[in-house]
C-alpha cells in the first residue's frame, strides 16, 4: 500500500559541503 510524500529542501549547505570535500580530495 504505497504512499508518496513530497517536499523541497534548500541545497545551499549541501553544495558548500561538497565543494569543501572536493577541495580536500
PDBML (XML) file of the C-alpha atoms, coordinates in Angstrom:
<?xml version="1.0" encoding="UTF-8" ?>
<PDBx:datablock datablockName="MODEL"
   xmlns:PDBx="http://pdbml.pdb.org/schema/pdbx-v50.xsd"
   xmlns:xsi="http://www.w3.org/2001/XMLSchema-instance"
   xsi:schemaLocation="http://pdbml.pdb.org/schema/pdbx-v50.xsd pdbx-v50.xsd">
   <PDBx:atom_siteCategory>
      <PDBx:atom_site id="1">
         <PDBx:B_iso_or_equiv>0.00</PDBx:B_iso_or_equiv>
         <PDBx:Cartn_x>0.000</PDBx:Cartn_x>
         <PDBx:Cartn_y>0.000</PDBx:Cartn_y>
         <PDBx:Cartn_z>0.000</PDBx:Cartn_z>
         <PDBx:auth_asym_id>A</PDBx:auth_asym_id>
         <PDBx:auth_atom_id>CA</PDBx:auth_atom_id>
         <PDBx:auth_comp_id>UNK</PDBx:auth_comp_id>
         <PDBx:auth_seq_id>1</PDBx:auth_seq_id>
         <PDBx:group_PDB>ATOM</PDBx:group_PDB>
         <PDBx:label_alt_id xsi:nil="true" />
         <PDBx:label_asym_id>A</PDBx:label_asym_id>
         <PDBx:label_atom_id>CA</PDBx:label_atom_id>
         <PDBx:label_comp_id>UNK</PDBx:label_comp_id>
         <PDBx:label_entity_id>1</PDBx:label_entity_id>
         <PDBx:label_seq_id>1</PDBx:label_seq_id>
         <PDBx:occupancy>1.00</PDBx:occupancy>
         <PDBx:pdbx_PDB_model_num>1</PDBx:pdbx_PDB_model_num>
         <PDBx:type_symbol>C</PDBx:type_symbol>
      </PDBx:atom_site>
      <PDBx:atom_site id="2">
         <PDBx:B_iso_or_equiv>0.00</PDBx:B_iso_or_equiv>
         <PDBx:Cartn_x>2.267</PDBx:Cartn_x>
         <PDBx:Cartn_y>2.769</PDBx:Cartn_y>
         <PDBx:Cartn_z>-1.298</PDBx:Cartn_z>
         <PDBx:auth_asym_id>A</PDBx:auth_asym_id>
         <PDBx:auth_atom_id>CA</PDBx:auth_atom_id>
         <PDBx:auth_comp_id>UNK</PDBx:auth_comp_id>
         <PDBx:auth_seq_id>2</PDBx:auth_seq_id>
         <PDBx:group_PDB>ATOM</PDBx:group_PDB>
         <PDBx:label_alt_id xsi:nil="true" />
         <PDBx:label_asym_id>A</PDBx:label_asym_id>
         <PDBx:label_atom_id>CA</PDBx:label_atom_id>
         <PDBx:label_comp_id>UNK</PDBx:label_comp_id>
         <PDBx:label_entity_id>1</PDBx:label_entity_id>
         <PDBx:label_seq_id>2</PDBx:label_seq_id>
         <PDBx:occupancy>1.00</PDBx:occupancy>
         <PDBx:pdbx_PDB_model_num>1</PDBx:pdbx_PDB_model_num>
         <PDBx:type_symbol>C</PDBx:type_symbol>
      </PDBx:atom_site>
      <PDBx:atom_site id="3">
         <PDBx:B_iso_or_equiv>0.00</PDBx:B_iso_or_equiv>
         <PDBx:Cartn_x>2.063</PDBx:Cartn_x>
         <PDBx:Cartn_y>6.442</PDBx:Cartn_y>
         <PDBx:Cartn_z>-0.355</PDBx:Cartn_z>
         <PDBx:auth_asym_id>A</PDBx:auth_asym_id>
         <PDBx:auth_atom_id>CA</PDBx:auth_atom_id>
         <PDBx:auth_comp_id>UNK</PDBx:auth_comp_id>
         <PDBx:auth_seq_id>3</PDBx:auth_seq_id>
         <PDBx:group_PDB>ATOM</PDBx:group_PDB>
         <PDBx:label_alt_id xsi:nil="true" />
         <PDBx:label_asym_id>A</PDBx:label_asym_id>
         <PDBx:label_atom_id>CA</PDBx:label_atom_id>
         <PDBx:label_comp_id>UNK</PDBx:label_comp_id>
         <PDBx:label_entity_id>1</PDBx:label_entity_id>
         <PDBx:label_seq_id>3</PDBx:label_seq_id>
         <PDBx:occupancy>1.00</PDBx:occupancy>
         <PDBx:pdbx_PDB_model_num>1</PDBx:pdbx_PDB_model_num>
         <PDBx:type_symbol>C</PDBx:type_symbol>
      </PDBx:atom_site>
      <PDBx:atom_site id="4">
         <PDBx:B_iso_or_equiv>0.00</PDBx:B_iso_or_equiv>
         <PDBx:Cartn_x>4.377</PDBx:Cartn_x>
         <PDBx:Cartn_y>9.179</PDBx:Cartn_y>
         <PDBx:Cartn_z>-1.676</PDBx:Cartn_z>
         <PDBx:auth_asym_id>A</PDBx:auth_asym_id>
         <PDBx:auth_atom_id>CA</PDBx:auth_atom_id>
         <PDBx:auth_comp_id>UNK</PDBx:auth_comp_id>
         <PDBx:auth_seq_id>4</PDBx:auth_seq_id>
         <PDBx:group_PDB>ATOM</PDBx:group_PDB>
         <PDBx:label_alt_id xsi:nil="true" />
         <PDBx:label_asym_id>A</PDBx:label_asym_id>
         <PDBx:label_atom_id>CA</PDBx:label_atom_id>
         <PDBx:label_comp_id>UNK</PDBx:label_comp_id>
         <PDBx:label_entity_id>1</PDBx:label_entity_id>
         <PDBx:label_seq_id>4</PDBx:label_seq_id>
         <PDBx:occupancy>1.00</PDBx:occupancy>
         <PDBx:pdbx_PDB_model_num>1</PDBx:pdbx_PDB_model_num>
         <PDBx:type_symbol>C</PDBx:type_symbol>
      </PDBx:atom_site>
      <PDBx:atom_site id="5">
         <PDBx:B_iso_or_equiv>0.00</PDBx:B_iso_or_equiv>
         <PDBx:Cartn_x>5.274</PDBx:Cartn_x>
         <PDBx:Cartn_y>12.321</PDBx:Cartn_y>
         <PDBx:Cartn_z>0.307</PDBx:Cartn_z>
         <PDBx:auth_asym_id>A</PDBx:auth_asym_id>
         <PDBx:auth_atom_id>CA</PDBx:auth_atom_id>
         <PDBx:auth_comp_id>UNK</PDBx:auth_comp_id>
         <PDBx:auth_seq_id>5</PDBx:auth_seq_id>
         <PDBx:group_PDB>ATOM</PDBx:group_PDB>
         <PDBx:label_alt_id xsi:nil="true" />
         <PDBx:label_asym_id>A</PDBx:label_asym_id>
         <PDBx:label_atom_id>CA</PDBx:label_atom_id>
         <PDBx:label_comp_id>UNK</PDBx:label_comp_id>
         <PDBx:label_entity_id>1</PDBx:label_entity_id>
         <PDBx:label_seq_id>5</PDBx:label_seq_id>
         <PDBx:occupancy>1.00</PDBx:occupancy>
         <PDBx:pdbx_PDB_model_num>1</PDBx:pdbx_PDB_model_num>
         <PDBx:type_symbol>C</PDBx:type_symbol>
      </PDBx:atom_site>
      <PDBx:atom_site id="6">
         <PDBx:B_iso_or_equiv>0.00</PDBx:B_iso_or_equiv>
         <PDBx:Cartn_x>6.885</PDBx:Cartn_x>
         <PDBx:Cartn_y>15.351</PDBx:Cartn_y>
         <PDBx:Cartn_z>-1.359</PDBx:Cartn_z>
         <PDBx:auth_asym_id>A</PDBx:auth_asym_id>
         <PDBx:auth_atom_id>CA</PDBx:auth_atom_id>
         <PDBx:auth_comp_id>UNK</PDBx:auth_comp_id>
         <PDBx:auth_seq_id>6</PDBx:auth_seq_id>
         <PDBx:group_PDB>ATOM</PDBx:group_PDB>
         <PDBx:label_alt_id xsi:nil="true" />
         <PDBx:label_asym_id>A</PDBx:label_asym_id>
         <PDBx:label_atom_id>CA</PDBx:label_atom_id>
         <PDBx:label_comp_id>UNK</PDBx:label_comp_id>
         <PDBx:label_entity_id>1</PDBx:label_entity_id>
         <PDBx:label_seq_id>6</PDBx:label_seq_id>
         <PDBx:occupancy>1.00</PDBx:occupancy>
         <PDBx:pdbx_PDB_model_num>1</PDBx:pdbx_PDB_model_num>
         <PDBx:type_symbol>C</PDBx:type_symbol>
      </PDBx:atom_site>
      <PDBx:atom_site id="7">
         <PDBx:B_iso_or_equiv>0.00</PDBx:B_iso_or_equiv>
         <PDBx:Cartn_x>8.926</PDBx:Cartn_x>
         <PDBx:Cartn_y>18.245</PDBx:Cartn_y>
         <PDBx:Cartn_z>-0.014</PDBx:Cartn_z>
         <PDBx:auth_asym_id>A</PDBx:auth_asym_id>
         <PDBx:auth_atom_id>CA</PDBx:auth_atom_id>
         <PDBx:auth_comp_id>UNK</PDBx:auth_comp_id>
         <PDBx:auth_seq_id>7</PDBx:auth_seq_id>
         <PDBx:group_PDB>ATOM</PDBx:group_PDB>
         <PDBx:label_alt_id xsi:nil="true" />
         <PDBx:label_asym_id>A</PDBx:label_asym_id>
         <PDBx:label_atom_id>CA</PDBx:label_atom_id>
         <PDBx:label_comp_id>UNK</PDBx:label_comp_id>
         <PDBx:label_entity_id>1</PDBx:label_entity_id>
         <PDBx:label_seq_id>7</PDBx:label_seq_id>
         <PDBx:occupancy>1.00</PDBx:occupancy>
         <PDBx:pdbx_PDB_model_num>1</PDBx:pdbx_PDB_model_num>
         <PDBx:type_symbol>C</PDBx:type_symbol>
      </PDBx:atom_site>
      <PDBx:atom_site id="8">
         <PDBx:B_iso_or_equiv>0.00</PDBx:B_iso_or_equiv>
         <PDBx:Cartn_x>11.543</PDBx:Cartn_x>
         <PDBx:Cartn_y>20.804</PDBx:Cartn_y>
         <PDBx:Cartn_z>-1.059</PDBx:Cartn_z>
         <PDBx:auth_asym_id>A</PDBx:auth_asym_id>
         <PDBx:auth_atom_id>CA</PDBx:auth_atom_id>
         <PDBx:auth_comp_id>UNK</PDBx:auth_comp_id>
         <PDBx:auth_seq_id>8</PDBx:auth_seq_id>
         <PDBx:group_PDB>ATOM</PDBx:group_PDB>
         <PDBx:label_alt_id xsi:nil="true" />
         <PDBx:label_asym_id>A</PDBx:label_asym_id>
         <PDBx:label_atom_id>CA</PDBx:label_atom_id>
         <PDBx:label_comp_id>UNK</PDBx:label_comp_id>
         <PDBx:label_entity_id>1</PDBx:label_entity_id>
         <PDBx:label_seq_id>8</PDBx:label_seq_id>
         <PDBx:occupancy>1.00</PDBx:occupancy>
         <PDBx:pdbx_PDB_model_num>1</PDBx:pdbx_PDB_model_num>
         <PDBx:type_symbol>C</PDBx:type_symbol>
      </PDBx:atom_site>
      <PDBx:atom_site id="9">
         <PDBx:B_iso_or_equiv>0.00</PDBx:B_iso_or_equiv>
         <PDBx:Cartn_x>14.880</PDBx:Cartn_x>
         <PDBx:Cartn_y>21.409</PDBx:Cartn_y>
         <PDBx:Cartn_z>0.610</PDBx:Cartn_z>
         <PDBx:auth_asym_id>A</PDBx:auth_asym_id>
         <PDBx:auth_atom_id>CA</PDBx:auth_atom_id>
         <PDBx:auth_comp_id>UNK</PDBx:auth_comp_id>
         <PDBx:auth_seq_id>9</PDBx:auth_seq_id>
         <PDBx:group_PDB>ATOM</PDBx:group_PDB>
         <PDBx:label_alt_id xsi:nil="true" />
         <PDBx:label_asym_id>A</PDBx:label_asym_id>
         <PDBx:label_atom_id>CA</PDBx:label_atom_id>
         <PDBx:label_comp_id>UNK</PDBx:label_comp_id>
         <PDBx:label_entity_id>1</PDBx:label_entity_id>
         <PDBx:label_seq_id>9</PDBx:label_seq_id>
         <PDBx:occupancy>1.00</PDBx:occupancy>
         <PDBx:pdbx_PDB_model_num>1</PDBx:pdbx_PDB_model_num>
         <PDBx:type_symbol>C</PDBx:type_symbol>
      </PDBx:atom_site>
      <PDBx:atom_site id="10">
         <PDBx:B_iso_or_equiv>0.00</PDBx:B_iso_or_equiv>
         <PDBx:Cartn_x>17.441</PDBx:Cartn_x>
         <PDBx:Cartn_y>24.186</PDBx:Cartn_y>
         <PDBx:Cartn_z>0.466</PDBx:Cartn_z>
         <PDBx:auth_asym_id>A</PDBx:auth_asym_id>
         <PDBx:auth_atom_id>CA</PDBx:auth_atom_id>
         <PDBx:auth_comp_id>UNK</PDBx:auth_comp_id>
         <PDBx:auth_seq_id>10</PDBx:auth_seq_id>
         <PDBx:group_PDB>ATOM</PDBx:group_PDB>
         <PDBx:label_alt_id xsi:nil="true" />
         <PDBx:label_asym_id>A</PDBx:label_asym_id>
         <PDBx:label_atom_id>CA</PDBx:label_atom_id>
         <PDBx:label_comp_id>UNK</PDBx:label_comp_id>
         <PDBx:label_entity_id>1</PDBx:label_entity_id>
         <PDBx:label_seq_id>10</PDBx:label_seq_id>
         <PDBx:occupancy>1.00</PDBx:occupancy>
         <PDBx:pdbx_PDB_model_num>1</PDBx:pdbx_PDB_model_num>
         <PDBx:type_symbol>C</PDBx:type_symbol>
      </PDBx:atom_site>
      <PDBx:atom_site id="11">
         <PDBx:B_iso_or_equiv>0.00</PDBx:B_iso_or_equiv>
         <PDBx:Cartn_x>20.557</PDBx:Cartn_x>
         <PDBx:Cartn_y>22.634</PDBx:Cartn_y>
         <PDBx:Cartn_z>-1.083</PDBx:Cartn_z>
         <PDBx:auth_asym_id>A</PDBx:auth_asym_id>
         <PDBx:auth_atom_id>CA</PDBx:auth_atom_id>
         <PDBx:auth_comp_id>UNK</PDBx:auth_comp_id>
         <PDBx:auth_seq_id>11</PDBx:auth_seq_id>
         <PDBx:group_PDB>ATOM</PDBx:group_PDB>
         <PDBx:label_alt_id xsi:nil="true" />
         <PDBx:label_asym_id>A</PDBx:label_asym_id>
         <PDBx:label_atom_id>CA</PDBx:label_atom_id>
         <PDBx:label_comp_id>UNK</PDBx:label_comp_id>
         <PDBx:label_entity_id>1</PDBx:label_entity_id>
         <PDBx:label_seq_id>11</PDBx:label_seq_id>
         <PDBx:occupancy>1.00</PDBx:occupancy>
         <PDBx:pdbx_PDB_model_num>1</PDBx:pdbx_PDB_model_num>
         <PDBx:type_symbol>C</PDBx:type_symbol>
      </PDBx:atom_site>
      <PDBx:atom_site id="12">
         <PDBx:B_iso_or_equiv>0.00</PDBx:B_iso_or_equiv>
         <PDBx:Cartn_x>22.837</PDBx:Cartn_x>
         <PDBx:Cartn_y>25.580</PDBx:Cartn_y>
         <PDBx:Cartn_z>-0.244</PDBx:Cartn_z>
         <PDBx:auth_asym_id>A</PDBx:auth_asym_id>
         <PDBx:auth_atom_id>CA</PDBx:auth_atom_id>
         <PDBx:auth_comp_id>UNK</PDBx:auth_comp_id>
         <PDBx:auth_seq_id>12</PDBx:auth_seq_id>
         <PDBx:group_PDB>ATOM</PDBx:group_PDB>
         <PDBx:label_alt_id xsi:nil="true" />
         <PDBx:label_asym_id>A</PDBx:label_asym_id>
         <PDBx:label_atom_id>CA</PDBx:label_atom_id>
         <PDBx:label_comp_id>UNK</PDBx:label_comp_id>
         <PDBx:label_entity_id>1</PDBx:label_entity_id>
         <PDBx:label_seq_id>12</PDBx:label_seq_id>
         <PDBx:occupancy>1.00</PDBx:occupancy>
         <PDBx:pdbx_PDB_model_num>1</PDBx:pdbx_PDB_model_num>
         <PDBx:type_symbol>C</PDBx:type_symbol>
      </PDBx:atom_site>
      <PDBx:atom_site id="13">
         <PDBx:B_iso_or_equiv>0.00</PDBx:B_iso_or_equiv>
         <PDBx:Cartn_x>24.711</PDBx:Cartn_x>
         <PDBx:Cartn_y>23.926</PDBx:Cartn_y>
         <PDBx:Cartn_z>2.628</PDBx:Cartn_z>
         <PDBx:auth_asym_id>A</PDBx:auth_asym_id>
         <PDBx:auth_atom_id>CA</PDBx:auth_atom_id>
         <PDBx:auth_comp_id>UNK</PDBx:auth_comp_id>
         <PDBx:auth_seq_id>13</PDBx:auth_seq_id>
         <PDBx:group_PDB>ATOM</PDBx:group_PDB>
         <PDBx:label_alt_id xsi:nil="true" />
         <PDBx:label_asym_id>A</PDBx:label_asym_id>
         <PDBx:label_atom_id>CA</PDBx:label_atom_id>
         <PDBx:label_comp_id>UNK</PDBx:label_comp_id>
         <PDBx:label_entity_id>1</PDBx:label_entity_id>
         <PDBx:label_seq_id>13</PDBx:label_seq_id>
         <PDBx:occupancy>1.00</PDBx:occupancy>
         <PDBx:pdbx_PDB_model_num>1</PDBx:pdbx_PDB_model_num>
         <PDBx:type_symbol>C</PDBx:type_symbol>
      </PDBx:atom_site>
      <PDBx:atom_site id="14">
         <PDBx:B_iso_or_equiv>0.00</PDBx:B_iso_or_equiv>
         <PDBx:Cartn_x>24.961</PDBx:Cartn_x>
         <PDBx:Cartn_y>20.596</PDBx:Cartn_y>
         <PDBx:Cartn_z>0.801</PDBx:Cartn_z>
         <PDBx:auth_asym_id>A</PDBx:auth_asym_id>
         <PDBx:auth_atom_id>CA</PDBx:auth_atom_id>
         <PDBx:auth_comp_id>UNK</PDBx:auth_comp_id>
         <PDBx:auth_seq_id>14</PDBx:auth_seq_id>
         <PDBx:group_PDB>ATOM</PDBx:group_PDB>
         <PDBx:label_alt_id xsi:nil="true" />
         <PDBx:label_asym_id>A</PDBx:label_asym_id>
         <PDBx:label_atom_id>CA</PDBx:label_atom_id>
         <PDBx:label_comp_id>UNK</PDBx:label_comp_id>
         <PDBx:label_entity_id>1</PDBx:label_entity_id>
         <PDBx:label_seq_id>14</PDBx:label_seq_id>
         <PDBx:occupancy>1.00</PDBx:occupancy>
         <PDBx:pdbx_PDB_model_num>1</PDBx:pdbx_PDB_model_num>
         <PDBx:type_symbol>C</PDBx:type_symbol>
      </PDBx:atom_site>
      <PDBx:atom_site id="15">
         <PDBx:B_iso_or_equiv>0.00</PDBx:B_iso_or_equiv>
         <PDBx:Cartn_x>26.556</PDBx:Cartn_x>
         <PDBx:Cartn_y>22.358</PDBx:Cartn_y>
         <PDBx:Cartn_z>-2.163</PDBx:Cartn_z>
         <PDBx:auth_asym_id>A</PDBx:auth_asym_id>
         <PDBx:auth_atom_id>CA</PDBx:auth_atom_id>
         <PDBx:auth_comp_id>UNK</PDBx:auth_comp_id>
         <PDBx:auth_seq_id>15</PDBx:auth_seq_id>
         <PDBx:group_PDB>ATOM</PDBx:group_PDB>
         <PDBx:label_alt_id xsi:nil="true" />
         <PDBx:label_asym_id>A</PDBx:label_asym_id>
         <PDBx:label_atom_id>CA</PDBx:label_atom_id>
         <PDBx:label_comp_id>UNK</PDBx:label_comp_id>
         <PDBx:label_entity_id>1</PDBx:label_entity_id>
         <PDBx:label_seq_id>15</PDBx:label_seq_id>
         <PDBx:occupancy>1.00</PDBx:occupancy>
         <PDBx:pdbx_PDB_model_num>1</PDBx:pdbx_PDB_model_num>
         <PDBx:type_symbol>C</PDBx:type_symbol>
      </PDBx:atom_site>
      <PDBx:atom_site id="16">
         <PDBx:B_iso_or_equiv>0.00</PDBx:B_iso_or_equiv>
         <PDBx:Cartn_x>29.051</PDBx:Cartn_x>
         <PDBx:Cartn_y>24.045</PDBx:Cartn_y>
         <PDBx:Cartn_z>0.169</PDBx:Cartn_z>
         <PDBx:auth_asym_id>A</PDBx:auth_asym_id>
         <PDBx:auth_atom_id>CA</PDBx:auth_atom_id>
         <PDBx:auth_comp_id>UNK</PDBx:auth_comp_id>
         <PDBx:auth_seq_id>16</PDBx:auth_seq_id>
         <PDBx:group_PDB>ATOM</PDBx:group_PDB>
         <PDBx:label_alt_id xsi:nil="true" />
         <PDBx:label_asym_id>A</PDBx:label_asym_id>
         <PDBx:label_atom_id>CA</PDBx:label_atom_id>
         <PDBx:label_comp_id>UNK</PDBx:label_comp_id>
         <PDBx:label_entity_id>1</PDBx:label_entity_id>
         <PDBx:label_seq_id>16</PDBx:label_seq_id>
         <PDBx:occupancy>1.00</PDBx:occupancy>
         <PDBx:pdbx_PDB_model_num>1</PDBx:pdbx_PDB_model_num>
         <PDBx:type_symbol>C</PDBx:type_symbol>
      </PDBx:atom_site>
      <PDBx:atom_site id="17">
         <PDBx:B_iso_or_equiv>0.00</PDBx:B_iso_or_equiv>
         <PDBx:Cartn_x>29.843</PDBx:Cartn_x>
         <PDBx:Cartn_y>20.729</PDBx:Cartn_y>
         <PDBx:Cartn_z>1.868</PDBx:Cartn_z>
         <PDBx:auth_asym_id>A</PDBx:auth_asym_id>
         <PDBx:auth_atom_id>CA</PDBx:auth_atom_id>
         <PDBx:auth_comp_id>UNK</PDBx:auth_comp_id>
         <PDBx:auth_seq_id>17</PDBx:auth_seq_id>
         <PDBx:group_PDB>ATOM</PDBx:group_PDB>
         <PDBx:label_alt_id xsi:nil="true" />
         <PDBx:label_asym_id>A</PDBx:label_asym_id>
         <PDBx:label_atom_id>CA</PDBx:label_atom_id>
         <PDBx:label_comp_id>UNK</PDBx:label_comp_id>
         <PDBx:label_entity_id>1</PDBx:label_entity_id>
         <PDBx:label_seq_id>17</PDBx:label_seq_id>
         <PDBx:occupancy>1.00</PDBx:occupancy>
         <PDBx:pdbx_PDB_model_num>1</PDBx:pdbx_PDB_model_num>
         <PDBx:type_symbol>C</PDBx:type_symbol>
      </PDBx:atom_site>
      <PDBx:atom_site id="18">
         <PDBx:B_iso_or_equiv>0.00</PDBx:B_iso_or_equiv>
         <PDBx:Cartn_x>30.514</PDBx:Cartn_x>
         <PDBx:Cartn_y>19.115</PDBx:Cartn_y>
         <PDBx:Cartn_z>-1.496</PDBx:Cartn_z>
         <PDBx:auth_asym_id>A</PDBx:auth_asym_id>
         <PDBx:auth_atom_id>CA</PDBx:auth_atom_id>
         <PDBx:auth_comp_id>UNK</PDBx:auth_comp_id>
         <PDBx:auth_seq_id>18</PDBx:auth_seq_id>
         <PDBx:group_PDB>ATOM</PDBx:group_PDB>
         <PDBx:label_alt_id xsi:nil="true" />
         <PDBx:label_asym_id>A</PDBx:label_asym_id>
         <PDBx:label_atom_id>CA</PDBx:label_atom_id>
         <PDBx:label_comp_id>UNK</PDBx:label_comp_id>
         <PDBx:label_entity_id>1</PDBx:label_entity_id>
         <PDBx:label_seq_id>18</PDBx:label_seq_id>
         <PDBx:occupancy>1.00</PDBx:occupancy>
         <PDBx:pdbx_PDB_model_num>1</PDBx:pdbx_PDB_model_num>
         <PDBx:type_symbol>C</PDBx:type_symbol>
      </PDBx:atom_site>
      <PDBx:atom_site id="19">
         <PDBx:B_iso_or_equiv>0.00</PDBx:B_iso_or_equiv>
         <PDBx:Cartn_x>32.842</PDBx:Cartn_x>
         <PDBx:Cartn_y>21.961</PDBx:Cartn_y>
         <PDBx:Cartn_z>-2.519</PDBx:Cartn_z>
         <PDBx:auth_asym_id>A</PDBx:auth_asym_id>
         <PDBx:auth_atom_id>CA</PDBx:auth_atom_id>
         <PDBx:auth_comp_id>UNK</PDBx:auth_comp_id>
         <PDBx:auth_seq_id>19</PDBx:auth_seq_id>
         <PDBx:group_PDB>ATOM</PDBx:group_PDB>
         <PDBx:label_alt_id xsi:nil="true" />
         <PDBx:label_asym_id>A</PDBx:label_asym_id>
         <PDBx:label_atom_id>CA</PDBx:label_atom_id>
         <PDBx:label_comp_id>UNK</PDBx:label_comp_id>
         <PDBx:label_entity_id>1</PDBx:label_entity_id>
         <PDBx:label_seq_id>19</PDBx:label_seq_id>
         <PDBx:occupancy>1.00</PDBx:occupancy>
         <PDBx:pdbx_PDB_model_num>1</PDBx:pdbx_PDB_model_num>
         <PDBx:type_symbol>C</PDBx:type_symbol>
      </PDBx:atom_site>
      <PDBx:atom_site id="20">
         <PDBx:B_iso_or_equiv>0.00</PDBx:B_iso_or_equiv>
         <PDBx:Cartn_x>34.856</PDBx:Cartn_x>
         <PDBx:Cartn_y>21.611</PDBx:Cartn_y>
         <PDBx:Cartn_z>0.712</PDBx:Cartn_z>
         <PDBx:auth_asym_id>A</PDBx:auth_asym_id>
         <PDBx:auth_atom_id>CA</PDBx:auth_atom_id>
         <PDBx:auth_comp_id>UNK</PDBx:auth_comp_id>
         <PDBx:auth_seq_id>20</PDBx:auth_seq_id>
         <PDBx:group_PDB>ATOM</PDBx:group_PDB>
         <PDBx:label_alt_id xsi:nil="true" />
         <PDBx:label_asym_id>A</PDBx:label_asym_id>
         <PDBx:label_atom_id>CA</PDBx:label_atom_id>
         <PDBx:label_comp_id>UNK</PDBx:label_comp_id>
         <PDBx:label_entity_id>1</PDBx:label_entity_id>
         <PDBx:label_seq_id>20</PDBx:label_seq_id>
         <PDBx:occupancy>1.00</PDBx:occupancy>
         <PDBx:pdbx_PDB_model_num>1</PDBx:pdbx_PDB_model_num>
         <PDBx:type_symbol>C</PDBx:type_symbol>
      </PDBx:atom_site>
      <PDBx:atom_site id="21">
         <PDBx:B_iso_or_equiv>0.00</PDBx:B_iso_or_equiv>
         <PDBx:Cartn_x>35.110</PDBx:Cartn_x>
         <PDBx:Cartn_y>17.825</PDBx:Cartn_y>
         <PDBx:Cartn_z>0.440</PDBx:Cartn_z>
         <PDBx:auth_asym_id>A</PDBx:auth_asym_id>
         <PDBx:auth_atom_id>CA</PDBx:auth_atom_id>
         <PDBx:auth_comp_id>UNK</PDBx:auth_comp_id>
         <PDBx:auth_seq_id>21</PDBx:auth_seq_id>
         <PDBx:group_PDB>ATOM</PDBx:group_PDB>
         <PDBx:label_alt_id xsi:nil="true" />
         <PDBx:label_asym_id>A</PDBx:label_asym_id>
         <PDBx:label_atom_id>CA</PDBx:label_atom_id>
         <PDBx:label_comp_id>UNK</PDBx:label_comp_id>
         <PDBx:label_entity_id>1</PDBx:label_entity_id>
         <PDBx:label_seq_id>21</PDBx:label_seq_id>
         <PDBx:occupancy>1.00</PDBx:occupancy>
         <PDBx:pdbx_PDB_model_num>1</PDBx:pdbx_PDB_model_num>
         <PDBx:type_symbol>C</PDBx:type_symbol>
      </PDBx:atom_site>
      <PDBx:atom_site id="22">
         <PDBx:B_iso_or_equiv>0.00</PDBx:B_iso_or_equiv>
         <PDBx:Cartn_x>36.209</PDBx:Cartn_x>
         <PDBx:Cartn_y>18.046</PDBx:Cartn_y>
         <PDBx:Cartn_z>-3.186</PDBx:Cartn_z>
         <PDBx:auth_asym_id>A</PDBx:auth_asym_id>
         <PDBx:auth_atom_id>CA</PDBx:auth_atom_id>
         <PDBx:auth_comp_id>UNK</PDBx:auth_comp_id>
         <PDBx:auth_seq_id>22</PDBx:auth_seq_id>
         <PDBx:group_PDB>ATOM</PDBx:group_PDB>
         <PDBx:label_alt_id xsi:nil="true" />
         <PDBx:label_asym_id>A</PDBx:label_asym_id>
         <PDBx:label_atom_id>CA</PDBx:label_atom_id>
         <PDBx:label_comp_id>UNK</PDBx:label_comp_id>
         <PDBx:label_entity_id>1</PDBx:label_entity_id>
         <PDBx:label_seq_id>22</PDBx:label_seq_id>
         <PDBx:occupancy>1.00</PDBx:occupancy>
         <PDBx:pdbx_PDB_model_num>1</PDBx:pdbx_PDB_model_num>
         <PDBx:type_symbol>C</PDBx:type_symbol>
      </PDBx:atom_site>
      <PDBx:atom_site id="23">
         <PDBx:B_iso_or_equiv>0.00</PDBx:B_iso_or_equiv>
         <PDBx:Cartn_x>38.854</PDBx:Cartn_x>
         <PDBx:Cartn_y>20.612</PDBx:Cartn_y>
         <PDBx:Cartn_z>-2.245</PDBx:Cartn_z>
         <PDBx:auth_asym_id>A</PDBx:auth_asym_id>
         <PDBx:auth_atom_id>CA</PDBx:auth_atom_id>
         <PDBx:auth_comp_id>UNK</PDBx:auth_comp_id>
         <PDBx:auth_seq_id>23</PDBx:auth_seq_id>
         <PDBx:group_PDB>ATOM</PDBx:group_PDB>
         <PDBx:label_alt_id xsi:nil="true" />
         <PDBx:label_asym_id>A</PDBx:label_asym_id>
         <PDBx:label_atom_id>CA</PDBx:label_atom_id>
         <PDBx:label_comp_id>UNK</PDBx:label_comp_id>
         <PDBx:label_entity_id>1</PDBx:label_entity_id>
         <PDBx:label_seq_id>23</PDBx:label_seq_id>
         <PDBx:occupancy>1.00</PDBx:occupancy>
         <PDBx:pdbx_PDB_model_num>1</PDBx:pdbx_PDB_model_num>
         <PDBx:type_symbol>C</PDBx:type_symbol>
      </PDBx:atom_site>
      <PDBx:atom_site id="24">
         <PDBx:B_iso_or_equiv>0.00</PDBx:B_iso_or_equiv>
         <PDBx:Cartn_x>40.198</PDBx:Cartn_x>
         <PDBx:Cartn_y>18.231</PDBx:Cartn_y>
         <PDBx:Cartn_z>0.376</PDBx:Cartn_z>
         <PDBx:auth_asym_id>A</PDBx:auth_asym_id>
         <PDBx:auth_atom_id>CA</PDBx:auth_atom_id>
         <PDBx:auth_comp_id>UNK</PDBx:auth_comp_id>
         <PDBx:auth_seq_id>24</PDBx:auth_seq_id>
         <PDBx:group_PDB>ATOM</PDBx:group_PDB>
         <PDBx:label_alt_id xsi:nil="true" />
         <PDBx:label_asym_id>A</PDBx:label_asym_id>
         <PDBx:label_atom_id>CA</PDBx:label_atom_id>
         <PDBx:label_comp_id>UNK</PDBx:label_comp_id>
         <PDBx:label_entity_id>1</PDBx:label_entity_id>
         <PDBx:label_seq_id>24</PDBx:label_seq_id>
         <PDBx:occupancy>1.00</PDBx:occupancy>
         <PDBx:pdbx_PDB_model_num>1</PDBx:pdbx_PDB_model_num>
         <PDBx:type_symbol>C</PDBx:type_symbol>
      </PDBx:atom_site>
      <PDBx:atom_site id="25">
         <PDBx:B_iso_or_equiv>0.00</PDBx:B_iso_or_equiv>
         <PDBx:Cartn_x>40.095</PDBx:Cartn_x>
         <PDBx:Cartn_y>15.326</PDBx:Cartn_y>
         <PDBx:Cartn_z>-2.103</PDBx:Cartn_z>
         <PDBx:auth_asym_id>A</PDBx:auth_asym_id>
         <PDBx:auth_atom_id>CA</PDBx:auth_atom_id>
         <PDBx:auth_comp_id>UNK</PDBx:auth_comp_id>
         <PDBx:auth_seq_id>25</PDBx:auth_seq_id>
         <PDBx:group_PDB>ATOM</PDBx:group_PDB>
         <PDBx:label_alt_id xsi:nil="true" />
         <PDBx:label_asym_id>A</PDBx:label_asym_id>
         <PDBx:label_atom_id>CA</PDBx:label_atom_id>
         <PDBx:label_comp_id>UNK</PDBx:label_comp_id>
         <PDBx:label_entity_id>1</PDBx:label_entity_id>
         <PDBx:label_seq_id>25</PDBx:label_seq_id>
         <PDBx:occupancy>1.00</PDBx:occupancy>
         <PDBx:pdbx_PDB_model_num>1</PDBx:pdbx_PDB_model_num>
         <PDBx:type_symbol>C</PDBx:type_symbol>
      </PDBx:atom_site>
   </PDBx:atom_siteCategory>
</PDBx:datablock>
